[in-house]
Amino acid sequence: MKILPAISETASVFSYNRFGVAGSDKPKESQDGKSMVNPLREALTTVGFEPPYLLVGHSLGGLYANLYARLYPNEVGE
């Protein structure tokens, strides 16, 4: 979180906690990979971000970023 202000000076930044983490709403469905990736995809669309995305995930979030890239390869940067 400490680096977000510096990065946002030169790029658009979107940071979020997935459902059930750090006080966010508890999930309403099972917690598999697709149920993690799809809300992120919807959120990016809702706030008006357009692909390609550079996804950065911490710890387990890195696996979800990888899954996003495999499910939607045309939406991520190379």
PDB file of N, CA and C in Angstrom:
ATOM      1  N   MET A   1       0.812  -1.197   0.000  1.00  0.00           N
ATOM      2  CA  MET A   1       0.000   0.000   0.000  1.00  0.00           C
ATOM      3  C   MET A   1       0.856   1.263   0.000  1.00  0.00           C
ATOM      4  N   LYS A   2       2.043   1.183   0.558  1.00  0.00           N
ATOM      5  CA  LYS A   2       2.884   2.371   0.663  1.00  0.00           C
ATOM      6  C   LYS A   2       3.360   2.881  -0.689  1.00  0.00           C
ATOM      7  N   ILE A   3       3.457   2.012  -1.678  1.00  0.00           N
ATOM      8  CA  ILE A   3       3.975   2.444  -2.983  1.00  0.00           C
ATOM      9  C   ILE A   3       2.888   2.944  -3.929  1.00  0.00           C
ATOM     10  N   LEU A   4       1.625   2.746  -3.582  1.00  0.00           N
ATOM     11  CA  LEU A   4       0.540   3.151  -4.482  1.00  0.00           C
ATOM     12  C   LEU A   4       0.557   4.636  -4.824  1.00  0.00           C
ATOM     13  N   PRO A   5       0.761   5.544  -3.872  1.00  0.00           N
ATOM     14  CA  PRO A   5       0.790   6.960  -4.246  1.00  0.00           C
ATOM     15  C   PRO A   5       1.873   7.290  -5.272  1.00  0.00           C
ATOM     16  N   ALA A   6       3.044   6.708  -5.125  1.00  0.00           N
ATOM     17  CA  ALA A   6       4.122   6.988  -6.078  1.00  0.00           C
ATOM     18  C   ALA A   6       3.799   6.413  -7.455  1.00  0.00           C
ATOM     19  N   ILE A   7       3.257   5.217  -7.504  1.00  0.00           N
ATOM     20  CA  ILE A   7       2.905   4.610  -8.792  1.00  0.00           C
ATOM     21  C   ILE A   7       1.797   5.408  -9.462  1.00  0.00           C
ATOM     22  N   SER A   8       0.857   5.899  -8.666  1.00  0.00           N
ATOM     23  CA  SER A   8      -0.288   6.612  -9.253  1.00  0.00           C
ATOM     24  C   SER A   8       0.099   7.950  -9.868  1.00  0.00           C
ATOM     25  N   GLU A   9       1.321   8.403  -9.635  1.00  0.00           N
ATOM     26  CA  GLU A   9       1.774   9.640 -10.271  1.00  0.00           C
ATOM     27  C   GLU A   9       2.037   9.450 -11.765  1.00  0.00           C
ATOM     28  N   THR A  10       2.297   8.218 -12.186  1.00  0.00           N
ATOM     29  CA  THR A  10       2.623   7.960 -13.593  1.00  0.00           C
ATOM     30  C   THR A  10       1.708   6.944 -14.260  1.00  0.00           C
ATOM     31  N   ALA A  11       0.800   6.334 -13.493  1.00  0.00           N
ATOM     32  CA  ALA A  11      -0.088   5.311 -14.062  1.00  0.00           C
ATOM     33  C   ALA A  11      -1.392   5.283 -13.278  1.00  0.00           C
ATOM     34  N   SER A  12      -2.423   4.750 -13.908  1.00  0.00           N
ATOM     35  CA  SER A  12      -3.683   4.540 -13.201  1.00  0.00           C
ATOM     36  C   SER A  12      -3.537   3.311 -12.314  1.00  0.00           C
ATOM     37  N   VAL A  13      -4.049   3.401 -11.101  1.00  0.00           N
ATOM     38  CA  VAL A  13      -3.907   2.327 -10.129  1.00  0.00           C
ATOM     39  C   VAL A  13      -5.284   1.970  -9.576  1.00  0.00           C
ATOM     40  N   PHE A  14      -5.532   0.680  -9.465  1.00  0.00           N
ATOM     41  CA  PHE A  14      -6.765   0.176  -8.862  1.00  0.00           C
ATOM     42  C   PHE A  14      -6.352  -0.877  -7.851  1.00  0.00           C
ATOM     43  N   SER A  15      -6.697  -0.656  -6.606  1.00  0.00           N
ATOM     44  CA  SER A  15      -6.342  -1.584  -5.530  1.00  0.00           C
ATOM     45  C   SER A  15      -7.617  -1.982  -4.808  1.00  0.00           C
ATOM     46  N   TYR A  16      -7.742  -3.249  -4.480  1.00  0.00           N
ATOM     47  CA  TYR A  16      -8.937  -3.691  -3.776  1.00  0.00           C
ATOM     48  C   TYR A  16      -8.624  -4.925  -2.943  1.00  0.00           C
ATOM     49  N   ASN A  17      -9.503  -5.203  -1.985  1.00  0.00           N
ATOM     50  CA  ASN A  17      -9.453  -6.452  -1.230  1.00  0.00           C
ATOM     51  C   ASN A  17     -10.575  -7.342  -1.728  1.00  0.00           C
ATOM     52  N   ARG A  18     -10.258  -8.591  -1.967  1.00  0.00           N
ATOM     53  CA  ARG A  18     -11.302  -9.505  -2.415  1.00  0.00           C
ATOM     54  C   ARG A  18     -12.289  -9.727  -1.272  1.00  0.00           C
ATOM     55  N   PHE A  19     -13.481 -10.239  -1.603  1.00  0.00           N
ATOM     56  CA  PHE A  19     -14.518 -10.469  -0.603  1.00  0.00           C
ATOM     57  C   PHE A  19     -13.983 -11.297   0.561  1.00  0.00           C
ATOM     58  N   GLY A  20     -14.322 -10.861   1.763  1.00  0.00           N
ATOM     59  CA  GLY A  20     -13.935 -11.584   2.961  1.00  0.00           C
ATOM     60  C   GLY A  20     -12.587 -11.211   3.530  1.00  0.00           C
ATOM     61  N   VAL A  21     -11.888 -10.262   2.924  1.00  0.00           N
ATOM     62  CA  VAL A  21     -10.554  -9.880   3.387  1.00  0.00           C
ATOM     63  C   VAL A  21     -10.572  -8.427   3.874  1.00  0.00           C
ATOM     64  N   ALA A  22      -9.922  -8.192   5.012  1.00  0.00           N
ATOM     65  CA  ALA A  22      -9.724  -6.840   5.557  1.00  0.00           C
ATOM     66  C   ALA A  22     -11.014  -6.030   5.670  1.00  0.00           C
ATOM     67  N   GLY A  23     -12.042  -6.645   6.189  1.00  0.00           N
ATOM     68  CA  GLY A  23     -13.279  -5.927   6.439  1.00  0.00           C
ATOM     69  C   GLY A  23     -14.221  -5.817   5.257  1.00  0.00           C
ATOM     70  N   SER A  24     -13.868  -6.396   4.115  1.00  0.00           N
ATOM     71  CA  SER A  24     -14.788  -6.360   2.976  1.00  0.00           C
ATOM     72  C   SER A  24     -15.934  -7.344   3.215  1.00  0.00           C
ATOM     73  N   ASP A  25     -16.990  -7.209   2.430  1.00  0.00           N
ATOM     74  CA  ASP A  25     -18.160  -8.079   2.587  1.00  0.00           C
ATOM     75  C   ASP A  25     -17.767  -9.547   2.508  1.00  0.00           C
ATOM     76  N   LYS A  26     -18.465 -10.369   3.269  1.00  0.00           N
ATOM     77  CA  LYS A  26     -18.221 -11.810   3.207  1.00  0.00           C
ATOM     78  C   LYS A  26     -18.754 -12.345   1.884  1.00  0.00           C
ATOM     79  N   PRO A  27     -18.067 -13.315   1.300  1.00  0.00           N
ATOM     80  CA  PRO A  27     -18.513 -13.858   0.017  1.00  0.00           C
ATOM     81  C   PRO A  27     -19.842 -14.590   0.148  1.00  0.00           C
ATOM     82  N   LYS A  28     -20.619 -14.550  -0.931  1.00  0.00           N
ATOM     83  CA  LYS A  28     -21.921 -15.214  -0.957  1.00  0.00           C
ATOM     84  C   LYS A  28     -21.864 -16.550  -1.686  1.00  0.00           C
ATOM     85  N   GLU A  29     -20.751 -16.839  -2.341  1.00  0.00           N
ATOM     86  CA  GLU A  29     -20.617 -18.084  -3.090  1.00  0.00           C
ATOM     87  C   GLU A  29     -19.321 -18.778  -2.702  1.00  0.00           C
ATOM     88  N   SER A  30     -19.134 -19.981  -3.219  1.00  0.00           N
ATOM     89  CA  SER A  30     -17.915 -20.722  -2.916  1.00  0.00           C
ATOM     90  C   SER A  30     -16.691 -19.934  -3.380  1.00  0.00           C
ATOM     91  N   GLN A  31     -15.580 -20.185  -2.741  1.00  0.00           N
ATOM     92  CA  GLN A  31     -14.379 -19.411  -3.008  1.00  0.00           C
ATOM     93  C   GLN A  31     -13.387 -20.193  -3.859  1.00  0.00           C
ATOM     94  N   ASP A  32     -13.710 -20.367  -5.120  1.00  0.00           N
ATOM     95  CA  ASP A  32     -12.765 -20.984  -6.045  1.00  0.00           C
ATOM     96  C   ASP A  32     -12.117 -19.881  -6.873  1.00  0.00           C
ATOM     97  N   GLY A  33     -11.202 -20.256  -7.743  1.00  0.00           N
ATOM     98  CA  GLY A  33     -10.458 -19.267  -8.514  1.00  0.00           C
ATOM     99  C   GLY A  33     -11.328 -18.341  -9.331  1.00  0.00           C
ATOM    100  N   LYS A  34     -12.304 -18.906 -10.036  1.00  0.00           N
ATOM    101  CA  LYS A  34     -13.151 -18.060 -10.884  1.00  0.00           C
ATOM    102  C   LYS A  34     -13.989 -17.095 -10.056  1.00  0.00           C
ATOM    103  N   SER A  35     -14.412 -17.521  -8.868  1.00  0.00           N
ATOM    104  CA  SER A  35     -15.203 -16.609  -8.033  1.00  0.00           C
ATOM    105  C   SER A  35     -14.335 -15.501  -7.435  1.00  0.00           C
ATOM    106  N   MET A  36     -13.029 -15.629  -7.540  1.00  0.00           N
ATOM    107  CA  MET A  36     -12.116 -14.568  -7.124  1.00  0.00           C
ATOM    108  C   MET A  36     -11.820 -13.621  -8.289  1.00  0.00           C
ATOM    109  N   VAL A  37     -11.657 -14.183  -9.470  1.00  0.00           N
ATOM    110  CA  VAL A  37     -11.272 -13.410 -10.653  1.00  0.00           C
ATOM    111  C   VAL A  37     -12.439 -12.592 -11.201  1.00  0.00           C
ATOM    112  N   ASN A  38     -13.610 -13.169 -11.249  1.00  0.00           N
ATOM    113  CA  ASN A  38     -14.736 -12.479 -11.878  1.00  0.00           C
ATOM    114  C   ASN A  38     -15.134 -11.176 -11.185  1.00  0.00           C
ATOM    115  N   PRO A  39     -15.167 -11.098  -9.837  1.00  0.00           N
ATOM    116  CA  PRO A  39     -15.471  -9.797  -9.221  1.00  0.00           C
ATOM    117  C   PRO A  39     -14.418  -8.729  -9.542  1.00  0.00           C
ATOM    118  N   LEU A  40     -13.165  -9.128  -9.648  1.00  0.00           N
ATOM    119  CA  LEU A  40     -12.126  -8.160 -10.037  1.00  0.00           C
ATOM    120  C   LEU A  40     -12.393  -7.655 -11.442  1.00  0.00           C
ATOM    121  N   ARG A  41     -12.695  -8.562 -12.333  1.00  0.00           N
ATOM    122  CA  ARG A  41     -12.983  -8.177 -13.726  1.00  0.00           C
ATOM    123  C   ARG A  41     -14.181  -7.216 -13.783  1.00  0.00           C
ATOM    124  N   GLU A  42     -15.227  -7.526 -13.043  1.00  0.00           N
ATOM    125  CA  GLU A  42     -16.406  -6.656 -13.002  1.00  0.00           C
ATOM    126  C   GLU A  42     -16.059  -5.292 -12.412  1.00  0.00           C
ATOM    127  N   ALA A  43     -15.261  -5.274 -11.347  1.00  0.00           N
ATOM    128  CA  ALA A  43     -14.885  -4.004 -10.709  1.00  0.00           C
ATOM    129  C   ALA A  43     -14.078  -3.131 -11.658  1.00  0.00           C
ATOM    130  N   LEU A  44     -13.146  -3.729 -12.375  1.00  0.00           N
ATOM    131  CA  LEU A  44     -12.340  -2.951 -13.328  1.00  0.00           C
ATOM    132  C   LEU A  44     -13.222  -2.319 -14.401  1.00  0.00           C
ATOM    133  N   THR A  45     -14.201  -3.056 -14.865  1.00  0.00           N
ATOM    134  CA  THR A  45     -15.135  -2.533 -15.866  1.00  0.00           C
ATOM    135  C   THR A  45     -15.996  -1.429 -15.274  1.00  0.00           C
ATOM    136  N   THR A  46     -16.482  -1.651 -14.067  1.00  0.00           N
ATOM    137  CA  THR A  46     -17.364  -0.677 -13.406  1.00  0.00           C
ATOM    138  C   THR A  46     -16.690   0.667 -13.215  1.00  0.00           C
ATOM    139  N   VAL A  47     -15.419   0.662 -12.842  1.00  0.00           N
ATOM    140  CA  VAL A  47     -14.720   1.935 -12.611  1.00  0.00           C
ATOM    141  C   VAL A  47     -14.174   2.546 -13.902  1.00  0.00           C
ATOM    142  N   GLY A  48     -14.334   1.851 -15.016  1.00  0.00           N
ATOM    143  CA  GLY A  48     -13.960   2.423 -16.303  1.00  0.00           C
ATOM    144  C   GLY A  48     -12.557   2.117 -16.783  1.00  0.00           C
ATOM    145  N   PHE A  49     -11.877   1.187 -16.150  1.00  0.00           N
ATOM    146  CA  PHE A  49     -10.548   0.799 -16.634  1.00  0.00           C
ATOM    147  C   PHE A  49     -10.711  -0.069 -17.881  1.00  0.00           C
ATOM    148  N   GLU A  50      -9.788   0.093 -18.806  1.00  0.00           N
ATOM    149  CA  GLU A  50      -9.828  -0.691 -20.036  1.00  0.00           C
ATOM    150  C   GLU A  50      -8.532  -1.482 -20.171  1.00  0.00           C
ATOM    151  N   PRO A  51      -8.636  -2.700 -20.710  1.00  0.00           N
ATOM    152  CA  PRO A  51      -7.432  -3.508 -20.915  1.00  0.00           C
ATOM    153  C   PRO A  51      -6.506  -2.853 -21.926  1.00  0.00           C
ATOM    154  N   PRO A  52      -5.248  -3.218 -21.921  1.00  0.00           N
ATOM    155  CA  PRO A  52      -4.645  -4.313 -21.150  1.00  0.00           C
ATOM    156  C   PRO A  52      -4.303  -3.877 -19.731  1.00  0.00           C
ATOM    157  N   TYR A  53      -4.387  -4.836 -18.809  1.00  0.00           N
ATOM    158  CA  TYR A  53      -4.083  -4.606 -17.407  1.00  0.00           C
ATOM    159  C   TYR A  53      -2.721  -5.184 -17.062  1.00  0.00           C
ATOM    160  N   LEU A  54      -2.082  -4.560 -16.108  1.00  0.00           N
ATOM    161  CA  LEU A  54      -0.886  -5.117 -15.480  1.00  0.00           C
ATOM    162  C   LEU A  54      -1.330  -5.517 -14.084  1.00  0.00           C
ATOM    163  N   LEU A  55      -1.466  -6.806 -13.860  1.00  0.00           N
ATOM    164  CA  LEU A  55      -1.977  -7.311 -12.591  1.00  0.00           C
ATOM    165  C   LEU A  55      -0.826  -7.631 -11.653  1.00  0.00           C
ATOM    166  N   VAL A  56      -0.939  -7.160 -10.433  1.00  0.00           N
ATOM    167  CA  VAL A  56       0.065  -7.433  -9.414  1.00  0.00           C
ATOM    168  C   VAL A  56      -0.672  -7.969  -8.198  1.00  0.00           C
ATOM    169  N   GLY A  57      -0.290  -9.140  -7.747  1.00  0.00           N
ATOM    170  CA  GLY A  57      -0.940  -9.731  -6.589  1.00  0.00           C
ATOM    171  C   GLY A  57       0.068 -10.107  -5.531  1.00  0.00           C
ATOM    172  N   HIS A  58      -0.314  -9.947  -4.296  1.00  0.00           N
ATOM    173  CA  HIS A  58       0.548 -10.318  -3.173  1.00  0.00           C
ATOM    174  C   HIS A  58       0.121 -11.701  -2.673  1.00  0.00           C
ATOM    175  N   SER A  59       1.074 -12.581  -2.489  1.00  0.00           N
ATOM    176  CA  SER A  59       0.847 -13.904  -1.933  1.00  0.00           C
ATOM    177  C   SER A  59      -0.183 -14.664  -2.781  1.00  0.00           C
ATOM    178  N   LEU A  60      -1.284 -15.084  -2.190  1.00  0.00           N
ATOM    179  CA  LEU A  60      -2.300 -15.830  -2.936  1.00  0.00           C
ATOM    180  C   LEU A  60      -2.862 -14.999  -4.090  1.00  0.00           C
ATOM    181  N   GLY A  61      -2.849 -13.691  -3.941  1.00  0.00           N
ATOM    182  CA  GLY A  61      -3.325 -12.815  -5.018  1.00  0.00           C
ATOM    183  C   GLY A  61      -2.523 -12.981  -6.294  1.00  0.00           C
ATOM    184  N   GLY A  62      -1.267 -13.381  -6.177  1.00  0.00           N
ATOM    185  CA  GLY A  62      -0.455 -13.649  -7.360  1.00  0.00           C
ATOM    186  C   GLY A  62      -0.999 -14.819  -8.162  1.00  0.00           C
ATOM    187  N   LEU A  63      -1.513 -15.828  -7.470  1.00  0.00           N
ATOM    188  CA  LEU A  63      -2.124 -16.965  -8.166  1.00  0.00           C
ATOM    189  C   LEU A  63      -3.405 -16.543  -8.869  1.00  0.00           C
ATOM    190  N   TYR A  64      -4.173 -15.658  -8.226  1.00  0.00           N
ATOM    191  CA  TYR A  64      -5.394 -15.167  -8.865  1.00  0.00           C
ATOM    192  C   TYR A  64      -5.071 -14.292 -10.071  1.00  0.00           C
ATOM    193  N   ALA A  65      -4.017 -13.514  -9.987  1.00  0.00           N
ATOM    194  CA  ALA A  65      -3.588 -12.715 -11.140  1.00  0.00           C
ATOM    195  C   ALA A  65      -3.187 -13.623 -12.291  1.00  0.00           C
ATOM    196  N   ASN A  66      -2.505 -14.713 -11.972  1.00  0.00           N
ATOM    197  CA  ASN A  66      -2.110 -15.682 -12.987  1.00  0.00           C
ATOM    198  C   ASN A  66      -3.342 -16.326 -13.616  1.00  0.00           C
ATOM    199  N   LEU A  67      -4.318 -16.689 -12.801  1.00  0.00           N
ATOM    200  CA  LEU A  67      -5.545 -17.281 -13.330  1.00  0.00           C
ATOM    201  C   LEU A  67      -6.284 -16.292 -14.218  1.00  0.00           C
ATOM    202  N   TYR A  68      -6.353 -15.032 -13.804  1.00  0.00           N
ATOM    203  CA  TYR A  68      -6.994 -14.003 -14.626  1.00  0.00           C
ATOM    204  C   TYR A  68      -6.335 -13.974 -16.006  1.00  0.00           C
ATOM    205  N   ALA A  69      -5.014 -13.978 -16.018  1.00  0.00           N
ATOM    206  CA  ALA A  69      -4.273 -13.916 -17.285  1.00  0.00           C
ATOM    207  C   ALA A  69      -4.542 -15.141 -18.148  1.00  0.00           C
ATOM    208  N   ARG A  70      -4.732 -16.293 -17.532  1.00  0.00           N
ATOM    209  CA  ARG A  70      -5.012 -17.503 -18.306  1.00  0.00           C
ATOM    210  C   ARG A  70      -6.448 -17.533 -18.808  1.00  0.00           C
ATOM    211  N   LEU A  71      -7.388 -17.005 -18.016  1.00  0.00           N
ATOM    212  CA  LEU A  71      -8.790 -16.993 -18.435  1.00  0.00           C
ATOM    213  C   LEU A  71      -9.078 -15.897 -19.459  1.00  0.00           C
ATOM    214  N   TYR A  72      -8.405 -14.760 -19.313  1.00  0.00           N
ATOM    215  CA  TYR A  72      -8.658 -13.598 -20.176  1.00  0.00           C
ATOM    216  C   TYR A  72      -7.343 -13.064 -20.734  1.00  0.00           C
ATOM    217  N   PRO A  73      -6.649 -13.848 -21.546  1.00  0.00           N
ATOM    218  CA  PRO A  73      -5.322 -13.446 -22.031  1.00  0.00           C
ATOM    219  C   PRO A  73      -5.314 -12.162 -22.852  1.00  0.00           C
ATOM    220  N   ASN A  74      -6.431 -11.824 -23.475  1.00  0.00           N
ATOM    221  CA  ASN A  74      -6.496 -10.608 -24.284  1.00  0.00           C
ATOM    222  C   ASN A  74      -6.681  -9.348 -23.435  1.00  0.00           C
ATOM    223  N   GLU A  75      -6.849  -9.517 -22.126  1.00  0.00           N
ATOM    224  CA  GLU A  75      -7.077  -8.372 -21.244  1.00  0.00           C
ATOM    225  C   GLU A  75      -5.851  -8.002 -20.419  1.00  0.00           C
ATOM    226  N   VAL A  76      -4.772  -8.733 -20.561  1.00  0.00           N
ATOM    227  CA  VAL A  76      -3.572  -8.440 -19.773  1.00  0.00           C
ATOM    228  C   VAL A  76      -2.413  -8.085 -20.677  1.00  0.00           C
ATOM    229  N   GLY A  77      -1.510  -7.263 -20.155  1.00  0.00           N
ATOM    230  CA  GLY A  77      -0.310  -6.889 -20.902  1.00  0.00           C
ATOM    231  C   GLY A  77       0.685  -8.035 -20.931  1.00  0.00           C
ATOM    232  N   GLU A  78       1.565  -7.964 -21.891  1.00  0.00           N
ATOM    233  CA  GLU A  78       2.590  -9.012 -21.997  1.00  0.00           C
ATOM    234  C   GLU A  78       3.869  -8.602 -21.333  1.00  0.00           C
TER     235      GLU A  78
END
